């Protein structure tokens, strides 16, 4: 059952009330008795994240739910060969000509 926030426009009394969706909204303030008790518009108290729930998620004998997609996307697959890096793919530079060795100094 949802929880609704109410506030009296006369005295300012505020109260959260657990009600069925099919119940009529309250109108009489429990603090002052005036017919100015109004339902407030509030933000939802939960957020839905992830890929959602499926019929098979809680079925007996089924596999546990897979981890989130962000973990699977960051892990490389073992059966896929590694792609060459840009340094390995570049051609090797041409060899520089070898320097001629210096003549040995004559000892006298």
N, C-alpha and C. Protein backbone atom coordinates (compact mmCIF):
# COMPACT_ATOMS: atom_id res chain seq x y z
N UNK A 1 0.84 -1.18 0.00
CA UNK A 1 0.00 0.00 0.00
C UNK A 1 0.89 1.24 0.00
N UNK A 2 0.51 2.24 -0.74
CA UNK A 2 1.29 3.48 -0.79
C UNK A 2 1.08 4.35 0.45
N UNK A 3 2.06 5.19 0.71
CA UNK A 3 1.99 6.16 1.80
C UNK A 3 1.79 7.52 1.16
N UNK A 4 0.75 8.22 1.59
CA UNK A 4 0.44 9.55 1.06
C UNK A 4 0.72 10.61 2.11
N UNK A 5 1.25 11.74 1.66
CA UNK A 5 1.50 12.87 2.55
C UNK A 5 0.31 13.81 2.48
N UNK A 6 -0.21 14.21 3.65
CA UNK A 6 -1.32 15.15 3.75
C UNK A 6 -0.87 16.37 4.54
N UNK A 7 -1.50 17.53 4.25
CA UNK A 7 -1.23 18.74 5.01
C UNK A 7 -2.51 19.56 5.09
N UNK A 8 -2.74 20.10 6.28
CA UNK A 8 -3.92 20.94 6.49
C UNK A 8 -3.61 22.35 6.03
N UNK A 9 -4.50 22.92 5.22
CA UNK A 9 -4.32 24.28 4.74
C UNK A 9 -4.69 25.31 5.80
N UNK A 10 -5.43 24.89 6.83
CA UNK A 10 -5.84 25.82 7.89
C UNK A 10 -4.79 25.94 8.98
N UNK A 11 -4.40 24.81 9.57
CA UNK A 11 -3.49 24.86 10.72
C UNK A 11 -2.05 24.44 10.38
N UNK A 12 -1.82 23.87 9.19
CA UNK A 12 -0.47 23.46 8.79
C UNK A 12 -0.06 22.09 9.28
N UNK A 13 -0.97 21.36 9.94
CA UNK A 13 -0.66 20.01 10.43
C UNK A 13 -0.35 19.09 9.24
N UNK A 14 0.76 18.35 9.33
CA UNK A 14 1.15 17.43 8.26
C UNK A 14 1.18 16.01 8.81
N UNK A 15 0.81 15.05 7.96
CA UNK A 15 0.76 13.65 8.38
C UNK A 15 0.93 12.75 7.17
N UNK A 16 1.67 11.65 7.34
CA UNK A 16 1.80 10.62 6.31
C UNK A 16 0.80 9.51 6.64
N UNK A 17 0.04 9.08 5.63
CA UNK A 17 -1.03 8.11 5.85
C UNK A 17 -0.85 6.93 4.90
N UNK A 18 -0.92 5.72 5.47
CA UNK A 18 -0.86 4.49 4.68
C UNK A 18 -2.29 4.17 4.23
N UNK A 19 -2.52 4.21 2.92
CA UNK A 19 -3.86 4.00 2.37
C UNK A 19 -3.80 3.10 1.15
N UNK A 20 -4.91 2.43 0.89
CA UNK A 20 -5.05 1.71 -0.37
C UNK A 20 -5.28 2.73 -1.48
N UNK A 21 -4.91 2.37 -2.69
CA UNK A 21 -5.13 3.28 -3.81
C UNK A 21 -6.61 3.50 -4.07
N UNK A 22 -7.45 2.54 -3.70
CA UNK A 22 -8.88 2.65 -3.93
C UNK A 22 -9.60 3.44 -2.82
N UNK A 23 -8.90 3.75 -1.70
CA UNK A 23 -9.52 4.52 -0.61
C UNK A 23 -9.75 5.96 -1.03
N UNK A 24 -10.80 6.57 -0.49
CA UNK A 24 -11.09 7.97 -0.73
C UNK A 24 -10.04 8.82 -0.02
N UNK A 25 -9.61 9.94 -0.63
CA UNK A 25 -8.65 10.82 0.04
C UNK A 25 -9.26 11.42 1.31
N UNK A 26 -8.42 11.63 2.32
CA UNK A 26 -8.89 12.25 3.56
C UNK A 26 -9.15 13.73 3.30
N UNK A 27 -10.12 14.31 4.03
CA UNK A 27 -10.42 15.72 3.83
C UNK A 27 -10.52 16.48 5.15
N UNK A 28 -10.75 15.78 6.25
CA UNK A 28 -10.90 16.44 7.55
C UNK A 28 -9.59 16.31 8.32
N UNK A 29 -9.07 17.46 8.79
CA UNK A 29 -7.81 17.49 9.53
C UNK A 29 -8.01 16.83 10.90
N UNK A 30 -7.11 15.88 11.28
CA UNK A 30 -7.25 15.25 12.60
C UNK A 30 -6.86 16.20 13.74
N UNK A 31 -6.12 17.28 13.46
CA UNK A 31 -5.68 18.19 14.51
C UNK A 31 -6.71 19.28 14.81
N UNK A 32 -7.24 19.94 13.76
CA UNK A 32 -8.16 21.06 13.99
C UNK A 32 -9.59 20.75 13.59
N UNK A 33 -9.84 19.68 12.84
CA UNK A 33 -11.19 19.30 12.46
C UNK A 33 -11.74 20.05 11.25
N UNK A 34 -10.97 20.90 10.64
CA UNK A 34 -11.42 21.65 9.47
C UNK A 34 -11.38 20.75 8.23
N UNK A 35 -12.27 20.99 7.27
CA UNK A 35 -12.27 20.19 6.03
C UNK A 35 -11.24 20.69 5.00
N UNK A 36 -10.02 20.97 5.46
CA UNK A 36 -8.99 21.51 4.56
C UNK A 36 -7.72 20.63 4.55
N UNK A 37 -7.90 19.34 4.81
CA UNK A 37 -6.78 18.38 4.80
C UNK A 37 -6.60 17.92 3.36
N UNK A 38 -5.46 18.23 2.74
CA UNK A 38 -5.24 17.94 1.32
C UNK A 38 -4.04 17.02 1.12
N UNK A 39 -4.17 16.17 0.12
CA UNK A 39 -3.08 15.28 -0.27
C UNK A 39 -2.00 16.10 -0.97
N UNK A 40 -0.74 15.87 -0.59
CA UNK A 40 0.38 16.60 -1.16
C UNK A 40 0.99 15.81 -2.31
N UNK A 41 1.58 16.52 -3.25
CA UNK A 41 2.30 15.90 -4.35
C UNK A 41 3.75 15.72 -3.90
N UNK A 42 4.23 14.49 -3.83
CA UNK A 42 5.58 14.21 -3.36
C UNK A 42 6.31 13.36 -4.38
N UNK A 43 7.64 13.31 -4.25
CA UNK A 43 8.48 12.49 -5.14
C UNK A 43 8.36 11.03 -4.73
N UNK A 44 8.59 10.16 -5.68
CA UNK A 44 8.56 8.73 -5.41
C UNK A 44 9.72 8.37 -4.49
N UNK A 45 9.52 7.39 -3.63
CA UNK A 45 10.54 6.99 -2.67
C UNK A 45 11.43 5.87 -3.16
N UNK A 46 11.39 5.53 -4.43
CA UNK A 46 12.22 4.46 -4.96
C UNK A 46 12.61 4.77 -6.39
N UNK A 47 13.64 4.08 -6.86
CA UNK A 47 14.07 4.24 -8.25
C UNK A 47 14.24 2.85 -8.85
N UNK A 48 13.87 2.71 -10.10
CA UNK A 48 14.06 1.45 -10.80
C UNK A 48 15.36 1.55 -11.59
N UNK A 49 16.26 0.60 -11.38
CA UNK A 49 17.54 0.59 -12.08
C UNK A 49 17.78 -0.79 -12.65
N UNK A 50 18.63 -0.87 -13.63
CA UNK A 50 18.99 -2.16 -14.19
C UNK A 50 18.07 -2.55 -15.33
N UNK A 51 18.15 -3.82 -15.69
CA UNK A 51 17.41 -4.30 -16.85
C UNK A 51 15.99 -4.72 -16.50
N UNK A 52 15.64 -4.83 -15.24
CA UNK A 52 14.27 -5.18 -14.86
C UNK A 52 14.15 -6.59 -14.31
N UNK A 53 12.93 -6.97 -13.98
CA UNK A 53 12.66 -8.30 -13.44
C UNK A 53 11.94 -9.11 -14.52
N UNK A 54 12.20 -10.39 -14.50
CA UNK A 54 11.59 -11.27 -15.48
C UNK A 54 10.93 -12.43 -14.76
N UNK A 55 10.05 -13.12 -15.43
CA UNK A 55 9.33 -14.25 -14.85
C UNK A 55 10.31 -15.32 -14.40
N UNK A 56 11.38 -15.51 -15.12
CA UNK A 56 12.34 -16.57 -14.80
C UNK A 56 13.30 -16.22 -13.68
N UNK A 57 13.32 -14.99 -13.20
CA UNK A 57 14.28 -14.58 -12.16
C UNK A 57 14.12 -15.37 -10.87
N UNK A 58 12.93 -15.70 -10.48
CA UNK A 58 12.71 -16.36 -9.20
C UNK A 58 12.11 -17.75 -9.36
N UNK A 59 12.24 -18.31 -10.53
CA UNK A 59 11.71 -19.64 -10.78
C UNK A 59 12.65 -20.68 -10.19
N UNK A 60 12.10 -21.74 -9.67
CA UNK A 60 12.89 -22.80 -9.06
C UNK A 60 13.74 -23.51 -10.11
N UNK A 61 15.02 -23.71 -9.81
CA UNK A 61 15.91 -24.42 -10.72
C UNK A 61 16.51 -23.54 -11.81
N UNK A 62 16.23 -22.26 -11.81
CA UNK A 62 16.81 -21.40 -12.84
C UNK A 62 18.15 -20.86 -12.36
N UNK A 63 18.96 -20.42 -13.32
CA UNK A 63 20.27 -19.86 -12.99
C UNK A 63 20.07 -18.52 -12.28
N UNK A 64 21.03 -18.11 -11.45
CA UNK A 64 20.92 -16.78 -10.85
C UNK A 64 21.05 -15.70 -11.91
N UNK A 65 20.51 -14.54 -11.64
CA UNK A 65 20.54 -13.44 -12.61
C UNK A 65 21.98 -13.05 -12.90
N UNK A 66 22.24 -12.68 -14.15
CA UNK A 66 23.58 -12.26 -14.56
C UNK A 66 23.92 -10.94 -13.92
N UNK A 67 25.21 -10.67 -13.80
CA UNK A 67 25.64 -9.40 -13.22
C UNK A 67 25.30 -8.27 -14.17
N UNK A 68 25.43 -7.05 -13.67
CA UNK A 68 25.04 -5.89 -14.47
C UNK A 68 25.86 -5.80 -15.75
N UNK A 69 25.33 -5.15 -16.74
CA UNK A 69 25.96 -5.05 -18.05
C UNK A 69 27.28 -4.29 -18.02
N UNK A 70 27.47 -3.37 -17.07
CA UNK A 70 28.71 -2.60 -17.04
C UNK A 70 29.90 -3.48 -16.68
N UNK A 71 29.71 -4.50 -15.82
CA UNK A 71 30.80 -5.41 -15.48
C UNK A 71 31.16 -6.28 -16.67
N UNK A 72 30.16 -6.75 -17.39
CA UNK A 72 30.41 -7.63 -18.52
C UNK A 72 31.07 -6.88 -19.66
N UNK A 73 30.74 -5.61 -19.82
CA UNK A 73 31.31 -4.83 -20.92
C UNK A 73 32.78 -4.50 -20.67
N UNK A 74 33.19 -4.39 -19.41
CA UNK A 74 34.57 -4.02 -19.13
C UNK A 74 35.51 -5.21 -19.09
N UNK A 75 34.99 -6.43 -19.07
CA UNK A 75 35.82 -7.62 -19.01
C UNK A 75 36.06 -8.14 -20.42
N UNK A 76 37.34 -8.30 -20.85
CA UNK A 76 37.59 -8.82 -22.19
C UNK A 76 37.26 -10.30 -22.26
N UNK A 77 36.85 -10.75 -23.41
CA UNK A 77 36.51 -12.16 -23.59
C UNK A 77 37.79 -12.95 -23.85
N UNK A 78 37.89 -14.16 -23.28
CA UNK A 78 39.10 -14.97 -23.40
C UNK A 78 39.23 -15.60 -24.78
N UNK A 79 38.11 -15.91 -25.45
CA UNK A 79 38.19 -16.59 -26.73
C UNK A 79 38.45 -15.64 -27.91
N UNK A 80 38.46 -14.35 -27.66
CA UNK A 80 38.69 -13.38 -28.72
C UNK A 80 40.18 -13.03 -28.75
N UNK A 81 40.85 -13.15 -29.90
CA UNK A 81 42.28 -12.82 -29.94
C UNK A 81 42.49 -11.33 -29.71
N UNK A 82 43.61 -11.01 -29.10
CA UNK A 82 43.92 -9.62 -28.81
C UNK A 82 44.23 -8.88 -30.11
N UNK A 83 43.79 -7.65 -30.20
CA UNK A 83 44.06 -6.84 -31.38
C UNK A 83 45.44 -6.23 -31.24
N UNK A 84 46.19 -6.10 -32.35
CA UNK A 84 47.53 -5.52 -32.26
C UNK A 84 47.45 -4.05 -31.86
N UNK A 85 48.44 -3.61 -31.11
CA UNK A 85 48.48 -2.21 -30.71
C UNK A 85 49.03 -1.38 -31.86
N UNK A 86 48.92 -0.09 -31.78
CA UNK A 86 49.36 0.76 -32.87
C UNK A 86 50.88 0.69 -33.06
N UNK A 87 51.65 0.49 -31.98
CA UNK A 87 53.11 0.40 -32.10
C UNK A 87 53.51 -0.89 -32.82
N UNK A 88 52.80 -1.99 -32.55
CA UNK A 88 53.14 -3.26 -33.19
C UNK A 88 52.70 -3.27 -34.65
N UNK A 89 51.66 -2.52 -34.97
CA UNK A 89 51.14 -2.51 -36.33
C UNK A 89 51.95 -1.60 -37.24
N UNK A 90 52.70 -0.65 -36.67
CA UNK A 90 53.49 0.28 -37.48
C UNK A 90 54.71 -0.43 -38.04
N UNK A 91 55.12 -0.08 -39.26
CA UNK A 91 56.31 -0.74 -39.83
C UNK A 91 57.56 -0.33 -39.06
N UNK A 92 58.55 -1.22 -39.04
CA UNK A 92 59.79 -0.95 -38.33
C UNK A 92 60.57 0.13 -39.08
N UNK A 93 61.25 1.02 -38.37
CA UNK A 93 62.01 2.07 -39.06
C UNK A 93 63.19 1.46 -39.80
N UNK A 94 63.63 2.12 -40.87
CA UNK A 94 64.75 1.62 -41.67
C UNK A 94 66.02 1.66 -40.82
N UNK A 95 66.87 0.65 -41.00
CA UNK A 95 68.09 0.58 -40.21
C UNK A 95 69.05 1.67 -40.66
N UNK A 96 69.67 2.33 -39.71
CA UNK A 96 70.64 3.38 -40.03
C UNK A 96 71.94 2.72 -40.47
N UNK A 97 72.66 3.34 -41.40
CA UNK A 97 73.92 2.74 -41.83
C UNK A 97 74.89 2.67 -40.65
N UNK A 98 75.62 1.57 -40.59
CA UNK A 98 76.55 1.36 -39.49
C UNK A 98 77.71 2.33 -39.61
N UNK A 99 78.15 2.86 -38.51
CA UNK A 99 79.28 3.79 -38.52
C UNK A 99 80.56 2.99 -38.69
N UNK A 100 81.50 3.56 -39.40
CA UNK A 100 82.76 2.86 -39.60
C UNK A 100 83.58 2.93 -38.31
N UNK A 101 84.21 1.83 -37.95
CA UNK A 101 84.97 1.85 -36.71
C UNK A 101 86.19 2.76 -36.85
N UNK A 102 86.54 3.40 -35.78
CA UNK A 102 87.70 4.30 -35.78
C UNK A 102 88.97 3.48 -35.82
N UNK A 103 89.97 4.00 -36.49
CA UNK A 103 91.26 3.30 -36.58
C UNK A 103 91.94 3.32 -35.22
N UNK A 104 92.56 2.21 -34.85
CA UNK A 104 93.22 2.20 -33.56
C UNK A 104 94.39 3.19 -33.54
N UNK A 105 94.53 3.79 -32.41
CA UNK A 105 95.63 4.78 -32.29
C UNK A 105 96.98 4.05 -32.26
N UNK A 106 97.95 4.62 -32.94
CA UNK A 106 99.27 3.99 -32.99
C UNK A 106 100.03 4.34 -31.72
N UNK A 107 100.56 3.32 -31.13
CA UNK A 107 101.31 3.58 -29.92
C UNK A 107 102.79 3.67 -30.26
N UNK A 108 103.47 4.66 -29.90
CA UNK A 108 104.89 4.80 -30.21
C UNK A 108 105.71 4.91 -28.98
